[in-house]
N, C-alpha and C. Protein backbone atom coordinates (compact mmCIF):
# COMPACT_ATOMS: atom_id res chain seq x y z
N MET A 1 -28.13 -25.21 -25.35
CA MET A 1 -29.07 -25.19 -24.24
C MET A 1 -28.83 -26.45 -23.40
N THR A 2 -28.76 -26.27 -22.11
CA THR A 2 -28.50 -27.38 -21.21
C THR A 2 -29.77 -28.21 -21.01
N PRO A 3 -29.62 -29.46 -20.58
CA PRO A 3 -30.80 -30.26 -20.27
C PRO A 3 -31.68 -29.62 -19.19
N GLU A 4 -31.06 -28.93 -18.23
CA GLU A 4 -31.82 -28.26 -17.18
C GLU A 4 -32.67 -27.13 -17.76
N MET A 5 -32.12 -26.40 -18.72
CA MET A 5 -32.89 -25.33 -19.36
C MET A 5 -34.03 -25.89 -20.20
N MET A 6 -33.79 -26.99 -20.88
CA MET A 6 -34.86 -27.63 -21.65
C MET A 6 -35.98 -28.09 -20.72
N GLN A 7 -35.61 -28.65 -19.58
CA GLN A 7 -36.59 -29.08 -18.59
C GLN A 7 -37.38 -27.87 -18.06
N ALA A 8 -36.67 -26.79 -17.78
CA ALA A 8 -37.33 -25.58 -17.29
C ALA A 8 -38.32 -25.05 -18.32
N LYS A 9 -37.95 -25.05 -19.60
CA LYS A 9 -38.86 -24.59 -20.65
C LYS A 9 -40.14 -25.43 -20.67
N MET A 10 -39.99 -26.74 -20.53
CA MET A 10 -41.18 -27.61 -20.51
C MET A 10 -42.04 -27.32 -19.29
N GLU A 11 -41.41 -27.13 -18.14
CA GLU A 11 -42.16 -26.84 -16.92
C GLU A 11 -42.89 -25.50 -17.00
N LEU A 12 -42.27 -24.53 -17.62
CA LEU A 12 -42.89 -23.21 -17.75
C LEU A 12 -44.05 -23.24 -18.75
N LYS A 13 -43.93 -24.04 -19.80
CA LYS A 13 -45.04 -24.21 -20.73
C LYS A 13 -46.21 -24.87 -20.00
N GLU A 14 -45.92 -25.86 -19.20
CA GLU A 14 -46.98 -26.52 -18.43
C GLU A 14 -47.63 -25.56 -17.44
N LEU A 15 -46.84 -24.69 -16.82
CA LEU A 15 -47.39 -23.71 -15.89
C LEU A 15 -48.39 -22.80 -16.61
N ALA A 16 -48.04 -22.34 -17.79
CA ALA A 16 -48.97 -21.50 -18.57
C ALA A 16 -50.24 -22.27 -18.93
N ASP A 17 -50.07 -23.53 -19.31
CA ASP A 17 -51.23 -24.34 -19.69
C ASP A 17 -52.12 -24.65 -18.49
N VAL A 18 -51.53 -24.96 -17.36
CA VAL A 18 -52.31 -25.26 -16.15
C VAL A 18 -53.12 -24.03 -15.74
N PHE A 19 -52.53 -22.86 -15.82
CA PHE A 19 -53.26 -21.63 -15.49
C PHE A 19 -54.54 -21.53 -16.32
N SER A 20 -54.43 -21.77 -17.61
CA SER A 20 -55.60 -21.71 -18.49
C SER A 20 -56.60 -22.83 -18.19
N ASN A 21 -56.10 -24.02 -17.98
CA ASN A 21 -57.00 -25.15 -17.68
C ASN A 21 -57.78 -24.90 -16.40
N LEU A 22 -57.14 -24.32 -15.39
CA LEU A 22 -57.83 -24.02 -14.14
C LEU A 22 -58.91 -22.96 -14.35
N ALA A 23 -58.67 -22.00 -15.22
CA ALA A 23 -59.70 -21.01 -15.55
C ALA A 23 -60.90 -21.70 -16.17
N ASP A 24 -60.65 -22.66 -17.05
CA ASP A 24 -61.74 -23.34 -17.76
C ASP A 24 -62.65 -24.13 -16.83
N VAL A 25 -62.11 -24.59 -15.71
CA VAL A 25 -62.94 -25.33 -14.74
C VAL A 25 -63.31 -24.45 -13.55
N LYS A 26 -63.07 -23.16 -13.70
CA LYS A 26 -63.44 -22.15 -12.71
C LYS A 26 -62.80 -22.40 -11.34
N ASP A 27 -61.52 -22.74 -11.36
CA ASP A 27 -60.77 -22.98 -10.13
C ASP A 27 -59.85 -21.78 -9.87
N ALA A 28 -60.43 -20.69 -9.40
CA ALA A 28 -59.67 -19.46 -9.14
C ALA A 28 -58.62 -19.67 -8.05
N ALA A 29 -58.96 -20.46 -7.04
CA ALA A 29 -57.99 -20.73 -5.96
C ALA A 29 -56.78 -21.45 -6.51
N GLY A 30 -57.00 -22.40 -7.39
CA GLY A 30 -55.89 -23.12 -8.02
C GLY A 30 -55.03 -22.19 -8.85
N GLN A 31 -55.66 -21.26 -9.56
CA GLN A 31 -54.90 -20.28 -10.33
C GLN A 31 -54.03 -19.44 -9.39
N GLY A 32 -54.59 -19.03 -8.27
CA GLY A 32 -53.84 -18.22 -7.32
C GLY A 32 -52.61 -18.94 -6.79
N GLU A 33 -52.71 -20.24 -6.62
CA GLU A 33 -51.58 -21.02 -6.10
C GLU A 33 -50.40 -21.08 -7.07
N LEU A 34 -50.62 -20.70 -8.31
CA LEU A 34 -49.54 -20.69 -9.30
C LEU A 34 -48.68 -19.43 -9.18
N PHE A 35 -49.14 -18.47 -8.39
CA PHE A 35 -48.40 -17.24 -8.15
C PHE A 35 -47.66 -17.32 -6.82
N LEU A 36 -46.57 -16.57 -6.71
CA LEU A 36 -45.93 -16.41 -5.41
C LEU A 36 -46.93 -15.75 -4.46
N PRO A 37 -46.78 -15.93 -3.15
CA PRO A 37 -47.72 -15.31 -2.20
C PRO A 37 -47.86 -13.80 -2.41
N ASP A 38 -46.79 -13.14 -2.82
CA ASP A 38 -46.85 -11.70 -3.08
C ASP A 38 -46.88 -11.41 -4.59
N GLY A 39 -47.34 -12.40 -5.35
CA GLY A 39 -47.39 -12.26 -6.80
C GLY A 39 -48.23 -11.08 -7.25
N LYS A 40 -48.00 -10.68 -8.48
CA LYS A 40 -48.63 -9.48 -9.01
C LYS A 40 -49.21 -9.75 -10.39
N LEU A 41 -50.40 -9.24 -10.61
CA LEU A 41 -51.02 -9.27 -11.92
C LEU A 41 -51.22 -7.84 -12.37
N GLU A 42 -50.72 -7.54 -13.55
CA GLU A 42 -50.96 -6.26 -14.19
C GLU A 42 -51.84 -6.57 -15.39
N PHE A 43 -52.88 -5.79 -15.60
CA PHE A 43 -53.67 -6.02 -16.79
C PHE A 43 -53.94 -4.71 -17.51
N GLN A 44 -54.02 -4.87 -18.83
CA GLN A 44 -54.08 -3.73 -19.71
C GLN A 44 -55.03 -4.04 -20.85
N ILE A 45 -55.94 -3.13 -21.15
CA ILE A 45 -56.85 -3.28 -22.27
C ILE A 45 -56.27 -2.49 -23.44
N GLY A 46 -55.89 -3.20 -24.50
CA GLY A 46 -55.32 -2.55 -25.67
C GLY A 46 -53.84 -2.28 -25.52
N PHE A 47 -53.23 -1.88 -26.62
CA PHE A 47 -51.78 -1.67 -26.65
C PHE A 47 -51.32 -0.53 -25.76
N ASP A 48 -52.16 0.48 -25.62
CA ASP A 48 -51.74 1.65 -24.87
C ASP A 48 -52.69 1.98 -23.72
N GLY A 49 -53.44 0.97 -23.27
CA GLY A 49 -54.39 1.19 -22.19
C GLY A 49 -53.70 1.34 -20.84
N GLU A 50 -54.45 1.86 -19.90
CA GLU A 50 -53.95 2.03 -18.53
C GLU A 50 -53.64 0.66 -17.94
N ILE A 51 -52.58 0.58 -17.17
CA ILE A 51 -52.19 -0.67 -16.51
C ILE A 51 -52.75 -0.66 -15.10
N ASN A 52 -53.53 -1.70 -14.78
CA ASN A 52 -54.10 -1.88 -13.45
C ASN A 52 -53.35 -2.99 -12.75
N ASN A 53 -53.24 -2.92 -11.43
CA ASN A 53 -52.46 -3.88 -10.65
C ASN A 53 -53.29 -4.58 -9.59
N ILE A 54 -53.01 -5.86 -9.44
CA ILE A 54 -53.57 -6.65 -8.34
C ILE A 54 -52.40 -7.38 -7.71
N GLU A 55 -52.27 -7.28 -6.39
CA GLU A 55 -51.12 -7.87 -5.73
C GLU A 55 -51.54 -8.79 -4.60
N GLY A 56 -50.84 -9.92 -4.48
CA GLY A 56 -51.07 -10.89 -3.42
C GLY A 56 -52.07 -11.95 -3.83
N ARG A 57 -51.85 -13.17 -3.36
CA ARG A 57 -52.69 -14.31 -3.75
C ARG A 57 -54.17 -14.10 -3.47
N GLU A 58 -54.48 -13.60 -2.28
CA GLU A 58 -55.89 -13.44 -1.91
C GLU A 58 -56.60 -12.51 -2.90
N ALA A 59 -55.97 -11.40 -3.22
CA ALA A 59 -56.57 -10.46 -4.18
C ALA A 59 -56.63 -11.06 -5.58
N LEU A 60 -55.61 -11.83 -5.94
CA LEU A 60 -55.60 -12.47 -7.25
C LEU A 60 -56.75 -13.47 -7.38
N VAL A 61 -56.93 -14.30 -6.36
CA VAL A 61 -58.01 -15.29 -6.38
C VAL A 61 -59.36 -14.59 -6.50
N ALA A 62 -59.55 -13.52 -5.75
CA ALA A 62 -60.81 -12.78 -5.83
C ALA A 62 -61.04 -12.23 -7.23
N ALA A 63 -59.99 -11.71 -7.84
CA ALA A 63 -60.11 -11.15 -9.20
C ALA A 63 -60.40 -12.25 -10.22
N PHE A 64 -59.70 -13.38 -10.11
CA PHE A 64 -59.95 -14.49 -11.04
C PHE A 64 -61.39 -14.99 -10.89
N ALA A 65 -61.84 -15.16 -9.65
CA ALA A 65 -63.20 -15.64 -9.39
C ALA A 65 -64.23 -14.67 -9.94
N ALA A 66 -63.99 -13.38 -9.78
CA ALA A 66 -64.94 -12.38 -10.28
C ALA A 66 -65.05 -12.43 -11.80
N THR A 67 -64.00 -12.87 -12.45
CA THR A 67 -64.02 -12.96 -13.91
C THR A 67 -64.68 -14.26 -14.39
N ILE A 68 -64.31 -15.39 -13.80
CA ILE A 68 -64.76 -16.68 -14.36
C ILE A 68 -66.03 -17.23 -13.73
N ASN A 69 -66.29 -16.94 -12.46
CA ASN A 69 -67.45 -17.56 -11.82
C ASN A 69 -68.79 -17.18 -12.45
N PRO A 70 -69.00 -15.94 -12.89
CA PRO A 70 -70.29 -15.60 -13.51
C PRO A 70 -70.50 -16.23 -14.89
N CYS A 71 -69.48 -16.81 -15.45
CA CYS A 71 -69.56 -17.32 -16.82
C CYS A 71 -70.30 -18.65 -16.89
N LYS A 72 -71.03 -18.83 -17.98
CA LYS A 72 -71.67 -20.11 -18.27
C LYS A 72 -70.64 -21.10 -18.80
N ALA A 73 -69.65 -20.58 -19.51
CA ALA A 73 -68.57 -21.40 -20.05
C ALA A 73 -67.31 -20.55 -20.17
N VAL A 74 -66.17 -21.21 -19.98
CA VAL A 74 -64.87 -20.56 -20.11
C VAL A 74 -63.99 -21.51 -20.93
N TYR A 75 -63.30 -20.96 -21.91
CA TYR A 75 -62.47 -21.79 -22.78
C TYR A 75 -61.21 -21.04 -23.16
N HIS A 76 -60.06 -21.65 -22.90
CA HIS A 76 -58.77 -21.07 -23.27
C HIS A 76 -58.05 -22.00 -24.23
N ILE A 77 -57.35 -21.41 -25.15
CA ILE A 77 -56.43 -22.17 -25.99
C ILE A 77 -55.13 -21.38 -26.05
N ASN A 78 -54.04 -22.03 -25.67
CA ASN A 78 -52.75 -21.35 -25.61
C ASN A 78 -51.98 -21.55 -26.90
N GLY A 79 -51.21 -20.54 -27.24
CA GLY A 79 -50.37 -20.59 -28.43
C GLY A 79 -48.91 -20.62 -28.05
N GLN A 80 -48.13 -19.86 -28.78
CA GLN A 80 -46.69 -19.88 -28.60
C GLN A 80 -46.28 -19.28 -27.27
N GLN A 81 -45.15 -19.77 -26.79
CA GLN A 81 -44.54 -19.23 -25.57
C GLN A 81 -43.04 -19.20 -25.79
N ASN A 82 -42.43 -18.07 -25.49
CA ASN A 82 -40.98 -17.93 -25.53
C ASN A 82 -40.50 -17.56 -24.15
N VAL A 83 -39.47 -18.24 -23.68
CA VAL A 83 -38.93 -17.94 -22.36
C VAL A 83 -37.41 -17.80 -22.42
N THR A 84 -36.90 -16.95 -21.55
CA THR A 84 -35.47 -16.79 -21.34
C THR A 84 -35.21 -17.16 -19.89
N ILE A 85 -34.32 -18.09 -19.69
CA ILE A 85 -34.06 -18.65 -18.35
C ILE A 85 -32.65 -18.27 -17.93
N ASN A 86 -32.49 -17.91 -16.64
CA ASN A 86 -31.15 -17.57 -16.17
C ASN A 86 -30.29 -18.84 -16.08
N ASP A 87 -28.99 -18.65 -15.90
CA ASP A 87 -28.05 -19.76 -15.97
C ASP A 87 -28.29 -20.87 -14.95
N ASP A 88 -28.77 -20.52 -13.74
CA ASP A 88 -28.99 -21.56 -12.73
C ASP A 88 -30.44 -22.06 -12.72
N CYS A 89 -31.22 -21.66 -13.72
CA CYS A 89 -32.60 -22.15 -13.89
C CYS A 89 -33.48 -21.88 -12.67
N THR A 90 -33.36 -20.68 -12.10
CA THR A 90 -34.20 -20.31 -10.95
C THR A 90 -35.08 -19.10 -11.24
N GLU A 91 -34.80 -18.40 -12.33
CA GLU A 91 -35.60 -17.26 -12.72
C GLU A 91 -35.75 -17.28 -14.23
N ALA A 92 -36.89 -16.75 -14.68
CA ALA A 92 -37.13 -16.71 -16.13
C ALA A 92 -38.09 -15.58 -16.45
N GLU A 93 -38.04 -15.16 -17.70
CA GLU A 93 -39.01 -14.21 -18.24
C GLU A 93 -39.58 -14.84 -19.49
N GLY A 94 -40.86 -14.57 -19.74
CA GLY A 94 -41.47 -15.18 -20.91
C GLY A 94 -42.65 -14.40 -21.43
N THR A 95 -42.99 -14.71 -22.68
CA THR A 95 -44.16 -14.16 -23.34
C THR A 95 -44.96 -15.33 -23.88
N ALA A 96 -46.26 -15.30 -23.61
CA ALA A 96 -47.15 -16.36 -24.08
C ALA A 96 -48.41 -15.72 -24.66
N TYR A 97 -49.02 -16.42 -25.59
CA TYR A 97 -50.24 -15.93 -26.22
C TYR A 97 -51.38 -16.89 -25.96
N CYS A 98 -52.58 -16.33 -25.84
CA CYS A 98 -53.74 -17.12 -25.46
C CYS A 98 -55.00 -16.53 -26.09
N GLU A 99 -55.90 -17.42 -26.47
CA GLU A 99 -57.25 -17.01 -26.85
C GLU A 99 -58.17 -17.45 -25.72
N ALA A 100 -58.81 -16.49 -25.08
CA ALA A 100 -59.67 -16.76 -23.93
C ALA A 100 -61.11 -16.40 -24.30
N THR A 101 -62.00 -17.38 -24.22
CA THR A 101 -63.38 -17.18 -24.60
C THR A 101 -64.28 -17.36 -23.37
N LEU A 102 -65.16 -16.39 -23.17
CA LEU A 102 -66.08 -16.41 -22.04
C LEU A 102 -67.51 -16.33 -22.57
N VAL A 103 -68.40 -17.14 -22.02
CA VAL A 103 -69.82 -17.06 -22.36
C VAL A 103 -70.57 -16.63 -21.11
N THR A 104 -71.29 -15.51 -21.24
CA THR A 104 -72.09 -14.99 -20.14
C THR A 104 -73.52 -14.82 -20.63
N GLU A 105 -74.38 -14.47 -19.70
CA GLU A 105 -75.77 -14.20 -20.07
C GLU A 105 -76.08 -12.74 -19.79
N GLU A 106 -76.66 -12.07 -20.78
CA GLU A 106 -77.06 -10.68 -20.63
C GLU A 106 -78.46 -10.54 -21.22
N ASN A 107 -79.39 -10.07 -20.41
CA ASN A 107 -80.77 -9.87 -20.86
C ASN A 107 -81.36 -11.13 -21.50
N GLY A 108 -81.06 -12.28 -20.90
CA GLY A 108 -81.61 -13.53 -21.37
C GLY A 108 -80.93 -14.10 -22.60
N LYS A 109 -79.86 -13.49 -23.06
CA LYS A 109 -79.15 -13.96 -24.25
C LYS A 109 -77.74 -14.38 -23.88
N ASP A 110 -77.27 -15.42 -24.54
CA ASP A 110 -75.89 -15.84 -24.34
C ASP A 110 -74.97 -14.93 -25.14
N ILE A 111 -73.99 -14.37 -24.44
CA ILE A 111 -73.03 -13.45 -25.05
C ILE A 111 -71.65 -14.09 -25.00
N ILE A 112 -70.98 -14.11 -26.13
CA ILE A 112 -69.63 -14.68 -26.19
C ILE A 112 -68.63 -13.54 -26.35
N THR A 113 -67.61 -13.58 -25.51
CA THR A 113 -66.52 -12.61 -25.61
C THR A 113 -65.24 -13.40 -25.83
N THR A 114 -64.58 -13.10 -26.92
CA THR A 114 -63.30 -13.74 -27.22
C THR A 114 -62.21 -12.70 -27.08
N ASN A 115 -61.25 -13.02 -26.23
CA ASN A 115 -60.12 -12.12 -25.97
C ASN A 115 -58.85 -12.76 -26.51
N TYR A 116 -58.09 -11.96 -27.21
CA TYR A 116 -56.79 -12.40 -27.70
C TYR A 116 -55.76 -11.72 -26.82
N VAL A 117 -55.01 -12.53 -26.08
CA VAL A 117 -54.25 -12.05 -24.93
C VAL A 117 -52.76 -12.35 -25.09
N ARG A 118 -51.94 -11.39 -24.65
CA ARG A 118 -50.50 -11.63 -24.53
C ARG A 118 -50.15 -11.55 -23.05
N TYR A 119 -49.49 -12.58 -22.55
CA TYR A 119 -48.99 -12.59 -21.18
C TYR A 119 -47.50 -12.30 -21.22
N SER A 120 -47.06 -11.35 -20.42
CA SER A 120 -45.64 -11.08 -20.24
C SER A 120 -45.33 -11.42 -18.79
N ASP A 121 -44.56 -12.48 -18.60
CA ASP A 121 -44.39 -13.07 -17.27
C ASP A 121 -42.97 -12.99 -16.75
N ILE A 122 -42.88 -12.95 -15.43
CA ILE A 122 -41.64 -13.19 -14.71
C ILE A 122 -41.90 -14.38 -13.81
N TYR A 123 -41.02 -15.39 -13.90
CA TYR A 123 -41.18 -16.63 -13.15
C TYR A 123 -40.01 -16.79 -12.16
N VAL A 124 -40.30 -17.47 -11.07
CA VAL A 124 -39.28 -17.79 -10.07
C VAL A 124 -39.48 -19.23 -9.64
N LYS A 125 -38.37 -19.95 -9.50
CA LYS A 125 -38.43 -21.33 -9.03
C LYS A 125 -38.09 -21.35 -7.53
N VAL A 126 -39.03 -21.88 -6.74
CA VAL A 126 -38.87 -21.95 -5.29
C VAL A 126 -39.08 -23.39 -4.85
N ASP A 127 -38.11 -23.93 -4.13
CA ASP A 127 -38.19 -25.31 -3.65
C ASP A 127 -38.57 -26.30 -4.76
N GLY A 128 -37.95 -26.10 -5.92
CA GLY A 128 -38.14 -27.03 -7.03
C GLY A 128 -39.41 -26.82 -7.86
N LYS A 129 -40.16 -25.76 -7.59
CA LYS A 129 -41.41 -25.52 -8.32
C LYS A 129 -41.43 -24.10 -8.88
N TRP A 130 -41.88 -23.97 -10.12
CA TRP A 130 -41.99 -22.67 -10.76
C TRP A 130 -43.27 -21.97 -10.34
N TYR A 131 -43.16 -20.65 -10.13
CA TYR A 131 -44.30 -19.80 -9.79
C TYR A 131 -44.27 -18.56 -10.68
N ILE A 132 -45.42 -17.96 -10.83
CA ILE A 132 -45.50 -16.68 -11.51
C ILE A 132 -45.24 -15.59 -10.46
N LYS A 133 -44.25 -14.78 -10.71
CA LYS A 133 -43.96 -13.65 -9.82
C LYS A 133 -44.76 -12.43 -10.26
N ARG A 134 -44.78 -12.21 -11.59
CA ARG A 134 -45.53 -11.09 -12.14
C ARG A 134 -46.04 -11.48 -13.52
N ARG A 135 -47.30 -11.20 -13.75
CA ARG A 135 -47.91 -11.45 -15.07
C ARG A 135 -48.57 -10.17 -15.54
N ARG A 136 -48.16 -9.70 -16.70
CA ARG A 136 -48.87 -8.58 -17.34
C ARG A 136 -49.75 -9.20 -18.42
N THR A 137 -51.05 -9.03 -18.26
CA THR A 137 -52.03 -9.53 -19.21
C THR A 137 -52.46 -8.36 -20.07
N THR A 138 -52.18 -8.46 -21.36
CA THR A 138 -52.58 -7.41 -22.29
C THR A 138 -53.64 -7.98 -23.22
N PHE A 139 -54.83 -7.39 -23.14
CA PHE A 139 -55.93 -7.78 -24.01
C PHE A 139 -55.72 -7.05 -25.33
N LEU A 140 -55.19 -7.75 -26.31
CA LEU A 140 -54.84 -7.13 -27.58
C LEU A 140 -56.09 -6.86 -28.43
N ILE A 141 -56.99 -7.81 -28.46
CA ILE A 141 -58.22 -7.70 -29.24
C ILE A 141 -59.33 -8.37 -28.44
N SER A 142 -60.50 -7.77 -28.42
CA SER A 142 -61.68 -8.39 -27.80
C SER A 142 -62.84 -8.30 -28.79
N ASP A 143 -63.58 -9.40 -28.88
CA ASP A 143 -64.75 -9.45 -29.75
C ASP A 143 -65.91 -9.96 -28.92
N LYS A 144 -66.99 -9.19 -28.86
CA LYS A 144 -68.14 -9.53 -28.03
C LYS A 144 -69.40 -9.44 -28.87
N HIS A 145 -70.19 -10.53 -28.85
CA HIS A 145 -71.44 -10.55 -29.60
C HIS A 145 -72.35 -11.65 -29.08
N GLU A 146 -73.58 -11.65 -29.54
CA GLU A 146 -74.52 -12.69 -29.14
C GLU A 146 -74.04 -14.01 -29.73
N LEU A 147 -74.04 -15.05 -28.94
CA LEU A 147 -73.61 -16.36 -29.37
C LEU A 147 -74.46 -16.82 -30.54
N GLY A 148 -73.81 -17.30 -31.57
CA GLY A 148 -74.53 -17.81 -32.74
C GLY A 148 -74.84 -16.76 -33.78
N LYS A 149 -74.47 -15.52 -33.52
CA LYS A 149 -74.75 -14.45 -34.49
C LYS A 149 -73.50 -13.80 -34.99
């Protein structure tokens, strides 16, 4: 592996981590900036669920905001990430895993939803910066219950 590829792997890991950190502070606009202007999010509930698509930064930001803004708390912890980078370090594909926890209020009770997520990403480097071109978010497992119970 070349030094450039090692550098790209570190930058792509940071990109995945920054995406999660921005969700935790409810910065949907910041999350959108990590995608190409015509970036695409595909999301799927379960292994064989229907795939839904959101395209373009404006739509992505609206979708991220609709998910995180109503929450009382948002917490992500990222796990392993594997990436394959092309020879000139300008394109890559990767898989990353994440535990995403959301706390909302329903009927006066705090509800915690923990999602175990796999991201399947395509990345592109533009003007020296990595962006997400396409992210497929697969919710592998979700657990929802009253907080503390």
